[in-house]
C-alpha atoms as a PDB file:
ATOM      1  CA  MET A   1      98.819  28.878  59.971  1.00  0.00           C
ATOM      2  CA  ALA A   2      96.638  30.181  57.162  1.00  0.00           C
ATOM      3  CA  LYS A   3      93.302  31.731  58.064  1.00  0.00           C
ATOM      4  CA  TYR A   4      90.169  31.757  55.913  1.00  0.00           C
ATOM      5  CA  ILE A   5      87.042  33.705  56.848  1.00  0.00           C
ATOM      6  CA  HIS A   6      83.591  33.103  55.460  1.00  0.00           C
ATOM      7  CA  ARG A   7      81.092  35.890  56.163  1.00  0.00           C
ATOM      8  CA  ASN A   8      77.316  35.515  56.367  1.00  0.00           C
ATOM      9  CA  ILE A   9      75.096  38.570  56.681  1.00  0.00           C
ATOM     10  CA  TRP A  10      71.771  37.854  58.376  1.00  0.00           C
ATOM     11  CA  ASN A  11      68.774  40.051  59.143  1.00  0.00           C
ATOM     12  CA  TRP A  12      70.013  40.396  62.748  1.00  0.00           C
ATOM     13  CA  GLY A  13      73.711  40.975  62.069  1.00  0.00           C
ATOM     14  CA  ARG A  14      76.552  38.857  60.786  1.00  0.00           C
ATOM     15  CA  LYS A  15      78.287  35.575  61.450  1.00  0.00           C
ATOM     16  CA  ASP A  16      81.872  34.974  60.393  1.00  0.00           C
ATOM     17  CA  THR A  17      83.361  31.495  60.259  1.00  0.00           C
ATOM     18  CA  ILE A  18      87.115  31.316  60.847  1.00  0.00           C
ATOM     19  CA  VAL A  19      88.906  28.263  59.473  1.00  0.00           C
ATOM     20  CA  ILE A  20      92.599  27.642  60.192  1.00  0.00           C
ATOM     21  CA  ALA A  21      95.276  25.005  59.652  1.00  0.00           C
ATOM     22  CA  ASP A  22      94.050  23.606  56.340  1.00  0.00           C
ATOM     23  CA  GLY A  23      90.546  23.130  57.694  1.00  0.00           C
ATOM     24  CA  ARG A  24      91.576  21.263  60.840  1.00  0.00           C
ATOM     25  CA  ALA A  25      90.072  23.889  63.190  1.00  0.00           C
ATOM     26  CA  LEU A  26      87.201  26.348  62.973  1.00  0.00           C
ATOM     27  CA  CYS A  27      84.920  28.585  64.997  1.00  0.00           C
ATOM     28  CA  GLN A  28      82.162  31.102  64.424  1.00  0.00           C
ATOM     29  CA  LEU A  29      81.819  34.681  65.627  1.00  0.00           C
ATOM     30  CA  SER A  30      78.441  36.419  65.588  1.00  0.00           C
ATOM     31  CA  VAL A  31      77.785  40.124  66.046  1.00  0.00           C
ATOM     32  CA  GLU A  32      74.229  41.402  66.308  1.00  0.00           C
ATOM     33  CA  ASP A  33      73.329  44.785  64.825  1.00  0.00           C
ATOM     34  CA  GLU A  34      71.630  45.791  68.103  1.00  0.00           C
ATOM     35  CA  ASN A  35      74.863  45.461  70.089  1.00  0.00           C
ATOM     36  CA  PRO A  36      77.940  45.363  67.816  1.00  0.00           C
ATOM     37  CA  ALA A  37      80.278  45.769  70.801  1.00  0.00           C
ATOM     38  CA  VAL A  38      79.671  42.126  71.776  1.00  0.00           C
ATOM     39  CA  ALA A  39      80.836  39.171  69.692  1.00  0.00           C
ATOM     40  CA  TYR A  40      79.556  35.677  70.411  1.00  0.00           C
ATOM     41  CA  LEU A  41      81.911  32.740  69.997  1.00  0.00           C
ATOM     42  CA  SER A  42      80.439  29.376  69.016  1.00  0.00           C
ATOM     43  CA  ASP A  43      81.258  26.080  67.374  1.00  0.00           C
ATOM     44  CA  VAL A  44      84.917  25.956  68.395  1.00  0.00           C
ATOM     45  CA  ILE A  45      86.050  22.735  66.758  1.00  0.00           C
ATOM     46  CA  VAL A  46      89.446  21.065  66.314  1.00  0.00           C
ATOM     47  CA  LEU A  47      89.512  17.779  64.437  1.00  0.00           C
ATOM     48  CA  GLU A  48      90.229  14.952  66.841  1.00  0.00           C
ATOM     49  CA  SER A  49      93.291  13.867  64.850  1.00  0.00           C
ATOM     50  CA  ALA A  50      94.750  17.399  65.191  1.00  0.00           C
ATOM     51  CA  ARG A  51      94.214  17.867  68.937  1.00  0.00           C
ATOM     52  CA  GLY A  52      97.071  18.379  71.358  1.00  0.00           C
ATOM     53  CA  CYS A  53      99.147  20.456  68.918  1.00  0.00           C
ATOM     54  CA  GLY A  54      98.036  23.927  70.011  1.00  0.00           C
ATOM     55  CA  LEU A  55      95.505  24.493  67.228  1.00  0.00           C
ATOM     56  CA  GLY A  56      92.764  25.308  69.744  1.00  0.00           C
ATOM     57  CA  ASN A  57      94.986  27.986  71.278  1.00  0.00           C
ATOM     58  CA  ASP A  58      95.777  29.395  67.826  1.00  0.00           C
ATOM     59  CA  LEU A  59      92.105  29.348  66.868  1.00  0.00           C
ATOM     60  CA  LEU A  60      91.069  31.159  70.033  1.00  0.00           C
ATOM     61  CA  GLU A  61      93.698  33.853  69.452  1.00  0.00           C
ATOM     62  CA  ALA A  62      92.510  34.228  65.841  1.00  0.00           C
ATOM     63  CA  ALA A  63      88.936  34.573  67.113  1.00  0.00           C
ATOM     64  CA  LYS A  64      89.932  37.274  69.612  1.00  0.00           C
ATOM     65  CA  GLU A  65      91.820  39.166  66.909  1.00  0.00           C
ATOM     66  CA  HIS A  66      88.949  38.904  64.449  1.00  0.00           C
ATOM     67  CA  ALA A  67      86.377  39.982  67.051  1.00  0.00           C
ATOM     68  CA  ARG A  68      88.443  43.131  67.632  1.00  0.00           C
ATOM     69  CA  GLU A  69      88.536  43.720  63.859  1.00  0.00           C
ATOM     70  CA  MET A  70      84.739  43.378  63.839  1.00  0.00           C
ATOM     71  CA  GLY A  71      84.607  46.222  66.371  1.00  0.00           C
ATOM     72  CA  ALA A  72      83.678  44.114  69.390  1.00  0.00           C
ATOM     73  CA  LYS A  73      84.793  45.109  72.869  1.00  0.00           C
ATOM     74  CA  MET A  74      83.763  41.831  74.516  1.00  0.00           C
ATOM     75  CA  LEU A  75      83.741  38.189  73.487  1.00  0.00           C
ATOM     76  CA  CYS A  76      81.009  35.974  75.002  1.00  0.00           C
ATOM     77  CA  LEU A  77      80.204  32.286  74.931  1.00  0.00           C
ATOM     78  CA  TRP A  78      78.085  29.650  76.620  1.00  0.00           C
ATOM     79  CA  ALA A  79      79.470  26.307  77.769  1.00  0.00           C
ATOM     80  CA  ASP A  80      78.493  23.210  79.689  1.00  0.00           C
ATOM     81  CA  PRO A  81      80.109  23.489  83.138  1.00  0.00           C
ATOM     82  CA  GLU A  82      80.548  19.706  83.220  1.00  0.00           C
ATOM     83  CA  GLN A  83      82.915  19.818  80.234  1.00  0.00           C
ATOM     84  CA  TRP A  84      86.691  20.350  80.416  1.00  0.00           C
ATOM     85  CA  VAL A  85      86.477  23.249  77.969  1.00  0.00           C
ATOM     86  CA  VAL A  86      85.200  25.659  80.664  1.00  0.00           C
ATOM     87  CA  GLU A  87      88.531  25.473  82.512  1.00  0.00           C
ATOM     88  CA  TRP A  88      90.376  25.790  79.189  1.00  0.00           C
ATOM     89  CA  TYR A  89      88.531  29.045  78.444  1.00  0.00           C
ATOM     90  CA  LYS A  90      89.283  30.314  81.939  1.00  0.00           C
ATOM     91  CA  ARG A  91      92.998  29.585  81.426  1.00  0.00           C
ATOM     92  CA  HIS A  92      92.724  31.812  78.346  1.00  0.00           C
ATOM     93  CA  GLY A  93      91.343  34.766  80.287  1.00  0.00           C
ATOM     94  CA  PHE A  94      87.591  34.178  80.132  1.00  0.00           C
ATOM     95  CA  LYS A  95      85.612  34.909  83.270  1.00  0.00           C
ATOM     96  CA  GLN A  96      82.402  33.201  84.310  1.00  0.00           C
ATOM     97  CA  GLN A  97      79.588  35.737  84.523  1.00  0.00           C
ATOM     98  CA  CYS A  98      76.440  33.702  85.118  1.00  0.00           C
ATOM     99  CA  VAL A  99      74.685  30.355  85.181  1.00  0.00           C
ATOM    100  CA  TYR A 100      71.595  30.062  82.978  1.00  0.00           C
ATOM    101  CA  ASP A 101      68.402  28.196  83.822  1.00  0.00           C
ATOM    102  CA  ASP A 102      69.488  25.279  81.640  1.00  0.00           C
ATOM    103  CA  GLY A 103      72.727  24.953  83.644  1.00  0.00           C
ATOM    104  CA  MET A 104      75.008  26.408  80.971  1.00  0.00           C
ATOM    105  CA  VAL A 105      77.539  29.016  82.072  1.00  0.00           C
ATOM    106  CA  GLY A 106      78.153  32.367  80.419  1.00  0.00           C
ATOM    107  CA  LEU A 107      81.811  33.306  79.986  1.00  0.00           C
ATOM    108  CA  THR A 108      83.222  36.634  78.786  1.00  0.00           C
ATOM    109  CA  PHE A 109      86.567  37.979  77.636  1.00  0.00           C
ATOM    110  CA  ASP A 110      87.341  41.711  77.615  1.00  0.00           C
ATOM    111  CA  LEU A 111      88.873  42.591  74.233  1.00  0.00           C
ATOM    112  CA  GLU A 112      90.020  46.090  75.249  1.00  0.00           C
END
């Protein structure tokens, strides 16, 4: 599984896009300058034709590894509690921390 990382530097921090498996899976990690110990995971995508082969698991492990390399101590994300992905994240060690006003849940993973 090859891994390619594209880095964007913004006025608030940076956002790295991780692409694996010949472009069949990707995600983004953001770290804000104000709190570099926390990385935010977003846009976790596996092409529909590539699902069920473990690419999501591989991508999540690559994201955890890269977040550590970025200096983060915690990985955070928001998800719709009505979607199956919340239980998938929990199976991978994420813990639900809160429910936001819009109904989304906040999940965290301790990288230490």
